[in-house]
Amino acid sequence: MRVLPPLPNDITSRPQSQRVAALAMLPLFWSLKGKRVVVAGGSDAAAWKAELLAACGAEVHVYAPRTELGEIFRDLIARGAAHECGRFVHNGEVWHPGIFQGAAIAIADCDEDVEAEAFFNAARACGVPVNVIDKPAYCQFQFGSIVNRSPVVVAISTDGAAPILAQAIRRRIETLLPPAIKSWASIAQAIRERVNARLQPGAARRSFWERFVDRAFLDTPEEGVETRLMAELERLAAPRPAVARVTIVGAGPGDAELLTLKAVRALQAADIILYDEQISNDILELARREAKRILVSDQRGDGRVMALAKTGKRVVRLQSGNPAPAAATREEASRLGKLGIAVEIIPGVDAEHHAPAVAAAETCPADPAAAWGTTRAANL
């Protein structure tokens, strides 16, 4: 098969099409199962961090004289860890430089900056990542707000700028994630290797997991669900001819929040996205990270849509505005249809329909409760 020559923007994309915007912090999910960690101090804050570490399966070595252990910490040590591999080891002495050898991470609650700096430097000297509670100058990493549906874990960080905002976001996410997600995630963990063995990377495997996810947000897993999932797996594994199809998606006036749910789903399912100059990075951010993005310069996608669709990839032609009523869109759909390529058109929001609503929002007096909420949020 002839290989298509790369466009210049396939190699050096414009700055607007970068895949990841600037990050204040790098989010990491770090396994501590069976690892030795250090917690210095007996305060309630230190107890919370120790409980969190032990819940991850860590062996938590606590350094604090018995008289300095708060009631919460004493109860925690007596109760034990939530994780079967986690445990607490209380050392009835203050911390010293010899405690860091072999530790995965080190946490301390220090009243004075002098002690915080000493703990920070001692941990770093041993190559141990360190966090001194409520003292950002002596932290190499931070703890975020957590939504726990383990093995699904969601962490939220505001880089220390607005902890109350992180807590509010966590509460919102808690309401969105049904408790059954925990069970579905465990099922996914159990069948993952079988799915990967039967389905090669590509449309079939992604289709299986997309249907799995749809179920996870609708139902509680019932008895025998794994058997039914395996039957669906075998059906998808059966050889089938590749279907050439293209989805033309309208991006509307450029605001990512105005994309339709169907448009977002198309972007998240795409293997290849051809987009024009007017598409914002906020909209491209909604696509799968793995999707190849190609900047094109004309309405027909530089003639590449047909060739890409014939490979069996899910191709999305992302256009600004609402392409549905445009004559050029109908012409392109007709042309591709004659070549045996199925075409779906997802309309975008018309700018003229959106503008009056924006104008009304800007000119109408806000209701007092909403205004109070806006002012309060700005002050957090």
Protein backbone atom coordinates (compact mmCIF):
# COMPACT_ATOMS: atom_id res chain seq x y z
CA MET A 1 0.00 0.00 0.00
CA ARG A 2 1.29 3.45 -0.88
CA VAL A 3 2.36 5.41 2.19
CA LEU A 4 0.94 8.90 2.31
CA PRO A 5 3.61 11.60 2.50
CA PRO A 6 3.45 13.51 5.79
CA LEU A 7 2.18 17.04 5.79
CA PRO A 8 4.56 19.63 7.26
CA ASN A 9 2.22 20.09 10.23
CA ASP A 10 2.38 16.34 10.93
CA ILE A 11 6.00 16.90 11.91
CA THR A 12 6.02 20.40 13.34
CA SER A 13 2.57 21.37 14.54
CA ARG A 14 1.56 24.90 15.30
CA PRO A 15 1.87 25.86 18.98
CA GLN A 16 -1.92 25.92 19.33
CA SER A 17 -2.15 22.19 18.63
CA GLN A 18 0.10 21.10 21.50
CA ARG A 19 -1.36 18.08 23.26
CA VAL A 20 -0.72 19.08 26.87
CA ALA A 21 -1.06 22.58 28.29
CA ALA A 22 1.28 23.79 31.06
CA LEU A 23 0.93 21.83 34.32
CA ALA A 24 1.53 23.29 37.78
CA MET A 25 2.34 19.79 39.10
CA LEU A 26 2.92 16.35 37.60
CA PRO A 27 0.13 13.99 38.74
CA LEU A 28 1.51 10.57 39.67
CA PHE A 29 -0.03 7.41 41.10
CA TRP A 30 2.67 5.64 43.06
CA SER A 31 2.49 2.11 44.45
CA LEU A 32 3.63 1.88 48.08
CA LYS A 33 2.60 -1.72 48.67
CA GLY A 34 5.17 -3.33 50.95
CA LYS A 35 7.36 -0.20 50.97
CA ARG A 36 8.85 1.34 54.10
CA VAL A 37 7.80 4.96 54.70
CA VAL A 38 8.64 7.42 57.47
CA VAL A 39 6.24 9.67 59.38
CA ALA A 40 7.69 12.00 62.02
CA GLY A 41 5.38 13.57 64.59
CA GLY A 42 2.32 12.49 66.53
CA SER A 43 -0.19 15.20 65.54
CA ASP A 44 -3.62 14.64 64.01
CA ALA A 45 -2.29 15.89 60.66
CA ALA A 46 0.55 13.36 60.79
CA ALA A 47 -1.96 10.64 61.72
CA TRP A 48 -4.04 11.40 58.61
CA LYS A 49 -1.00 11.11 56.36
CA ALA A 50 0.05 7.89 58.11
CA GLU A 51 -3.43 6.40 57.63
CA LEU A 52 -3.36 7.31 53.95
CA LEU A 53 0.06 5.70 53.44
CA ALA A 54 -0.94 2.52 55.27
CA ALA A 55 -4.14 2.34 53.20
CA CYS A 56 -1.84 2.05 50.18
CA GLY A 57 -0.17 -1.01 51.69
CA ALA A 58 2.90 0.75 53.09
CA GLU A 59 4.80 -0.18 56.24
CA VAL A 60 4.56 3.10 58.13
CA HIS A 61 7.35 3.78 60.62
CA VAL A 62 6.14 6.44 63.06
CA TYR A 63 8.76 8.45 64.95
CA ALA A 64 7.35 10.24 68.00
CA PRO A 65 7.59 9.71 71.77
CA ARG A 66 4.49 8.01 73.17
CA THR A 67 3.62 11.14 75.13
CA GLU A 68 3.49 13.16 71.89
CA LEU A 69 1.11 10.80 70.09
CA GLY A 70 -2.37 12.34 69.87
CA GLU A 71 -5.49 10.35 70.61
CA ILE A 72 -6.30 9.98 66.91
CA PHE A 73 -2.84 8.57 66.21
CA ARG A 74 -3.01 6.14 69.14
CA ASP A 75 -6.41 4.88 67.99
CA LEU A 76 -5.12 4.55 64.43
CA ILE A 77 -2.15 2.41 65.46
CA ALA A 78 -4.39 0.24 67.66
CA ARG A 79 -6.93 -0.24 64.84
CA GLY A 80 -4.37 -1.06 62.16
CA ALA A 81 -4.27 -0.40 58.42
CA ALA A 82 -7.15 -0.70 55.96
CA HIS A 83 -4.90 -2.46 53.42
CA GLU A 84 -4.00 -6.10 54.06
CA CYS A 85 -0.32 -5.33 53.45
CA GLY A 86 -0.22 -2.07 55.37
CA ARG A 87 0.94 -1.78 58.97
CA PHE A 88 2.20 0.69 61.57
CA VAL A 89 5.52 0.43 63.40
CA HIS A 90 5.76 2.89 66.29
CA ASN A 91 9.24 3.98 67.26
CA GLY A 92 9.01 5.86 70.57
CA GLU A 93 11.73 8.36 69.74
CA VAL A 94 12.11 11.60 67.83
CA TRP A 95 13.32 11.37 64.27
CA HIS A 96 17.06 11.40 63.48
CA PRO A 97 19.12 11.27 60.24
CA GLY A 98 19.51 7.50 60.47
CA ILE A 99 15.82 6.75 59.87
CA PHE A 100 15.70 7.48 56.14
CA GLN A 101 17.76 4.62 54.78
CA GLY A 102 15.57 2.43 52.57
CA ALA A 103 12.49 4.63 52.92
CA ALA A 104 10.25 5.25 49.90
CA ILE A 105 8.99 8.63 51.15
CA ALA A 106 9.20 10.71 54.31
CA ILE A 107 6.51 12.87 55.96
CA ALA A 108 6.87 15.16 58.96
CA ASP A 109 4.78 17.60 60.98
CA CYS A 110 7.19 20.20 62.33
CA ASP A 111 6.21 23.27 64.36
CA GLU A 112 9.36 25.26 63.63
CA ASP A 113 10.98 26.04 60.30
CA VAL A 114 14.38 25.11 61.69
CA GLU A 115 13.26 21.53 62.35
CA ALA A 116 11.36 21.41 59.03
CA GLU A 117 14.49 22.42 57.14
CA ALA A 118 16.61 19.87 59.01
CA PHE A 119 14.13 17.06 58.24
CA PHE A 120 13.89 18.16 54.60
CA ASN A 121 17.67 18.23 54.12
CA ALA A 122 18.22 14.90 55.90
CA ALA A 123 15.64 13.14 53.73
CA ARG A 124 17.01 14.67 50.53
CA ALA A 125 20.55 13.66 51.48
CA CYS A 126 19.34 10.04 51.45
CA GLY A 127 17.47 10.49 48.17
CA VAL A 128 14.05 10.15 49.82
CA PRO A 129 11.13 12.28 48.51
CA VAL A 130 9.92 14.47 51.38
CA ASN A 131 6.86 16.43 52.47
CA VAL A 132 6.68 18.61 55.57
CA ILE A 133 3.01 19.19 56.34
CA ASP A 134 1.75 22.76 55.73
CA LYS A 135 5.23 24.01 54.84
CA PRO A 136 5.38 24.22 51.01
CA ALA A 137 8.99 25.40 51.03
CA TYR A 138 9.97 22.00 52.43
CA CYS A 139 7.84 19.80 50.15
CA GLN A 140 8.98 17.94 47.04
CA PHE A 141 5.45 16.66 46.42
CA GLN A 142 1.92 17.44 47.56
CA PHE A 143 -1.16 15.50 48.62
CA GLY A 144 -4.40 16.25 46.77
CA SER A 145 -8.06 15.76 47.64
CA ILE A 146 -9.00 12.14 46.95
CA VAL A 147 -12.07 10.36 45.61
CA ASN A 148 -11.64 6.70 46.58
CA ARG A 149 -13.35 4.04 44.49
CA SER A 150 -10.24 1.89 44.53
CA PRO A 151 -8.96 0.58 42.20
CA VAL A 152 -10.39 3.80 40.73
CA VAL A 153 -8.69 6.71 42.50
CA VAL A 154 -9.20 10.36 41.58
CA ALA A 155 -6.86 13.02 42.98
CA ILE A 156 -7.42 16.78 42.71
CA SER A 157 -4.77 19.43 43.18
CA THR A 158 -4.83 23.23 42.97
CA ASP A 159 -1.06 23.48 43.58
CA GLY A 160 -1.84 24.68 47.11
CA ALA A 161 -3.57 27.80 45.78
CA ALA A 162 -7.14 26.95 46.82
CA PRO A 163 -7.59 23.80 48.94
CA ILE A 164 -11.25 24.66 49.52
CA LEU A 165 -11.80 24.61 45.74
CA ALA A 166 -10.17 21.17 45.53
CA GLN A 167 -12.54 19.94 48.25
CA ALA A 168 -15.54 21.34 46.38
CA ILE A 169 -14.41 19.62 43.17
CA ARG A 170 -14.00 16.37 45.09
CA ARG A 171 -17.58 16.61 46.38
CA ARG A 172 -18.84 17.13 42.83
CA ILE A 173 -16.92 14.12 41.55
CA GLU A 174 -18.17 11.99 44.46
CA THR A 175 -21.73 12.56 43.27
CA LEU A 176 -20.83 11.69 39.66
CA LEU A 177 -19.06 8.38 40.36
CA PRO A 178 -21.54 5.68 41.44
CA PRO A 179 -20.29 3.32 44.17
CA ALA A 180 -20.62 0.44 41.66
CA ILE A 181 -17.64 1.88 39.75
CA LYS A 182 -15.44 0.13 42.31
CA SER A 183 -16.87 -3.28 41.36
CA TRP A 184 -16.73 -2.57 37.62
CA ALA A 185 -13.08 -1.51 37.93
CA SER A 186 -12.27 -4.76 39.73
CA ILE A 187 -13.96 -6.72 36.92
CA ALA A 188 -11.95 -4.78 34.33
CA GLN A 189 -8.80 -5.63 36.24
CA ALA A 190 -9.75 -9.32 36.23
CA ILE A 191 -10.51 -9.58 32.50
CA ARG A 192 -7.94 -7.15 31.09
CA GLU A 193 -5.36 -9.78 30.12
CA ARG A 194 -7.98 -11.95 28.40
CA VAL A 195 -9.28 -8.96 26.44
CA ASN A 196 -5.77 -7.96 25.36
CA ALA A 197 -5.01 -11.54 24.31
CA ARG A 198 -8.12 -11.82 22.10
CA LEU A 199 -8.40 -8.30 20.70
CA GLN A 200 -5.55 -6.48 19.02
CA PRO A 201 -5.15 -2.74 19.70
CA GLY A 202 -7.60 -0.86 17.53
CA ALA A 203 -11.30 -0.40 16.89
CA ALA A 204 -12.52 -3.78 18.20
CA ARG A 205 -10.72 -3.53 21.53
CA ARG A 206 -11.80 0.07 21.99
CA SER A 207 -15.40 -0.85 21.12
CA PHE A 208 -15.37 -3.54 23.81
CA TRP A 209 -14.16 -1.13 26.49
CA GLU A 210 -16.51 1.64 25.37
CA ARG A 211 -19.49 -0.68 25.86
CA PHE A 212 -18.04 -1.82 29.16
CA VAL A 213 -17.83 1.80 30.35
CA ASP A 214 -21.41 2.54 29.25
CA ARG A 215 -22.60 -0.31 31.45
CA ALA A 216 -20.42 0.78 34.36
CA PHE A 217 -22.19 4.12 34.58
CA LEU A 218 -25.69 2.66 34.26
CA ASP A 219 -25.88 -0.59 36.22
CA THR A 220 -24.56 -2.49 39.19
CA PRO A 221 -22.70 -5.60 37.96
CA GLU A 222 -25.00 -8.59 38.26
CA GLU A 223 -24.14 -12.26 38.75
CA GLY A 224 -22.65 -13.83 35.63
CA VAL A 225 -21.58 -10.52 34.10
CA GLU A 226 -18.06 -11.81 33.34
CA THR A 227 -19.50 -14.68 31.30
CA ARG A 228 -21.58 -12.26 29.23
CA LEU A 229 -18.60 -9.97 28.75
CA MET A 230 -16.52 -12.88 27.49
CA ALA A 231 -19.27 -13.81 25.00
CA GLU A 232 -19.22 -10.24 23.67
CA LEU A 233 -15.43 -10.43 23.52
CA GLU A 234 -15.58 -13.51 21.29
CA ARG A 235 -18.11 -11.83 19.01
CA LEU A 236 -15.84 -8.82 18.55
CA ALA A 237 -12.82 -11.07 18.02
CA ALA A 238 -14.44 -12.73 14.99
CA PRO A 239 -12.84 -11.47 11.73
CA ARG A 240 -14.84 -8.71 10.08
CA PRO A 241 -14.04 -6.52 7.08
CA ALA A 242 -12.86 -3.03 7.95
CA VAL A 243 -15.58 -0.41 7.50
CA ALA A 244 -14.50 2.88 6.02
CA ARG A 245 -16.26 5.74 7.73
CA VAL A 246 -15.79 9.44 8.37
CA THR A 247 -17.47 11.66 10.94
CA ILE A 248 -17.74 15.35 10.14
CA VAL A 249 -18.00 17.22 13.43
CA GLY A 250 -19.07 20.82 13.84
CA ALA A 251 -17.09 22.66 16.52
CA GLY A 252 -19.50 25.58 16.72
CA PRO A 253 -18.30 29.12 17.50
CA GLY A 254 -15.10 27.87 19.15
CA ASP A 255 -16.12 27.42 22.79
CA ALA A 256 -15.35 23.89 23.99
CA GLU A 257 -18.29 24.05 26.41
CA LEU A 258 -20.69 24.42 23.47
CA LEU A 259 -19.74 21.11 21.84
CA THR A 260 -22.55 18.60 21.81
CA LEU A 261 -22.20 15.39 23.79
CA LYS A 262 -22.24 13.46 20.51
CA ALA A 263 -19.37 15.62 19.19
CA VAL A 264 -17.28 14.95 22.32
CA ARG A 265 -17.88 11.21 22.00
CA ALA A 266 -16.76 11.31 18.37
CA LEU A 267 -13.53 13.09 19.33
CA GLN A 268 -12.83 10.60 22.10
CA ALA A 269 -13.36 7.66 19.74
CA ALA A 270 -11.28 9.06 16.85
CA ASP A 271 -8.03 7.55 15.62
CA ILE A 272 -7.29 10.51 13.34
CA ILE A 273 -8.57 14.08 13.58
CA LEU A 274 -8.25 16.50 10.68
CA TYR A 275 -8.91 20.03 11.90
CA ASP A 276 -8.72 23.55 10.52
CA GLU A 277 -6.94 26.68 11.74
CA GLN A 278 -9.94 28.00 13.65
CA ILE A 279 -10.21 25.03 16.01
CA SER A 280 -9.10 25.99 19.52
CA ASN A 281 -6.72 23.96 21.65
CA ASP A 282 -9.47 23.66 24.30
CA ILE A 283 -11.54 21.67 21.81
CA LEU A 284 -8.59 19.50 20.74
CA GLU A 285 -7.91 18.74 24.40
CA LEU A 286 -11.18 16.80 24.49
CA ALA A 287 -9.86 14.22 22.02
CA ARG A 288 -8.07 11.00 22.93
CA ARG A 289 -4.39 11.56 23.66
CA GLU A 290 -3.52 8.77 21.23
CA ALA A 291 -5.42 10.30 18.31
CA LYS A 292 -3.26 11.58 15.46
CA ARG A 293 -4.01 15.24 14.74
CA ILE A 294 -3.51 16.74 11.30
CA LEU A 295 -3.93 20.42 10.51
CA VAL A 296 -5.54 20.85 7.08
CA SER A 297 -6.06 23.95 5.02
CA ASP A 298 -9.20 23.44 2.96
CA GLN A 299 -12.74 22.12 3.30
CA ARG A 300 -11.84 18.75 1.82
CA GLY A 301 -9.02 18.03 4.26
CA ASP A 302 -6.31 18.26 1.60
CA GLY A 303 -7.71 15.14 -0.08
CA ARG A 304 -6.55 12.93 2.80
CA VAL A 305 -9.92 11.99 4.28
CA MET A 306 -10.67 9.27 1.74
CA ALA A 307 -7.27 7.56 1.96
CA LEU A 308 -7.27 7.64 5.76
CA ALA A 309 -10.80 6.27 6.03
CA LYS A 310 -9.94 3.36 3.72
CA THR A 311 -7.40 2.13 6.29
CA GLY A 312 -10.27 1.32 8.68
CA LYS A 313 -9.31 4.07 11.12
CA ARG A 314 -11.95 6.21 12.78
CA VAL A 315 -11.51 9.52 11.00
CA VAL A 316 -13.03 12.77 12.29
CA ARG A 317 -13.11 15.89 10.14
CA LEU A 318 -13.38 18.69 12.72
CA GLN A 319 -14.67 21.96 11.29
CA SER A 320 -15.47 25.28 12.92
CA GLY A 321 -19.05 26.47 12.95
CA ASN A 322 -21.92 24.26 11.85
CA PRO A 323 -20.99 22.30 8.71
CA ALA A 324 -24.32 20.42 8.54
CA PRO A 325 -26.24 22.84 6.28
CA ALA A 326 -23.22 23.80 4.15
CA ALA A 327 -23.25 22.84 0.48
CA ALA A 328 -19.55 21.92 0.67
CA THR A 329 -20.28 19.40 3.43
CA ARG A 330 -23.11 17.77 1.48
CA GLU A 331 -20.87 17.62 -1.56
CA GLU A 332 -18.07 15.97 0.41
CA ALA A 333 -20.47 13.46 2.02
CA SER A 334 -21.87 12.57 -1.39
CA ARG A 335 -18.41 12.18 -2.89
CA LEU A 336 -17.24 9.90 -0.06
CA GLY A 337 -20.48 7.90 -0.17
CA LYS A 338 -19.93 7.08 -3.84
CA LEU A 339 -16.53 5.70 -2.86
CA GLY A 340 -18.10 3.35 -0.31
CA ILE A 341 -17.23 5.45 2.75
CA ALA A 342 -20.00 5.91 5.32
CA VAL A 343 -20.34 9.53 6.48
CA GLU A 344 -21.93 10.86 9.65
CA ILE A 345 -22.43 14.59 10.17
CA ILE A 346 -22.64 15.98 13.71
CA PRO A 347 -23.92 19.57 13.65
CA GLY A 348 -22.26 22.35 15.62
CA VAL A 349 -23.90 25.23 17.47
CA ASP A 350 -24.60 28.16 15.16
CA ALA A 351 -22.79 31.32 16.23
CA GLU A 352 -25.84 33.48 15.53
CA HIS A 353 -27.98 31.32 17.83
CA HIS A 354 -25.37 31.46 20.57
CA ALA A 355 -24.70 35.21 20.42
CA PRO A 356 -28.11 36.46 21.69
CA ALA A 357 -27.88 34.18 24.73
CA VAL A 358 -24.42 35.52 25.54
CA ALA A 359 -25.59 39.10 25.11
CA ALA A 360 -28.58 38.48 27.38
CA ALA A 361 -26.34 36.97 30.05
CA GLU A 362 -24.05 40.00 29.91
CA THR A 363 -26.82 42.62 30.08
CA CYS A 364 -29.37 41.07 32.46
CA PRO A 365 -28.80 41.84 36.15
CA ALA A 366 -27.54 38.78 37.99
CA ASP A 367 -29.66 37.34 40.75
CA PRO A 368 -28.34 38.18 44.24
CA ALA A 369 -27.63 34.58 45.19
CA ALA A 370 -25.62 33.98 42.01
CA ALA A 371 -23.74 37.24 42.49
CA TRP A 372 -22.91 36.29 46.09
CA GLY A 373 -21.68 32.88 44.91
CA THR A 374 -19.48 34.51 42.25
CA THR A 375 -18.00 36.97 44.73
CA ARG A 376 -17.45 34.27 47.31
CA ALA A 377 -15.75 31.98 44.78
CA ALA A 378 -13.47 34.81 43.71
CA ASN A 379 -12.35 35.31 47.30
CA LEU A 380 -11.47 31.66 47.95
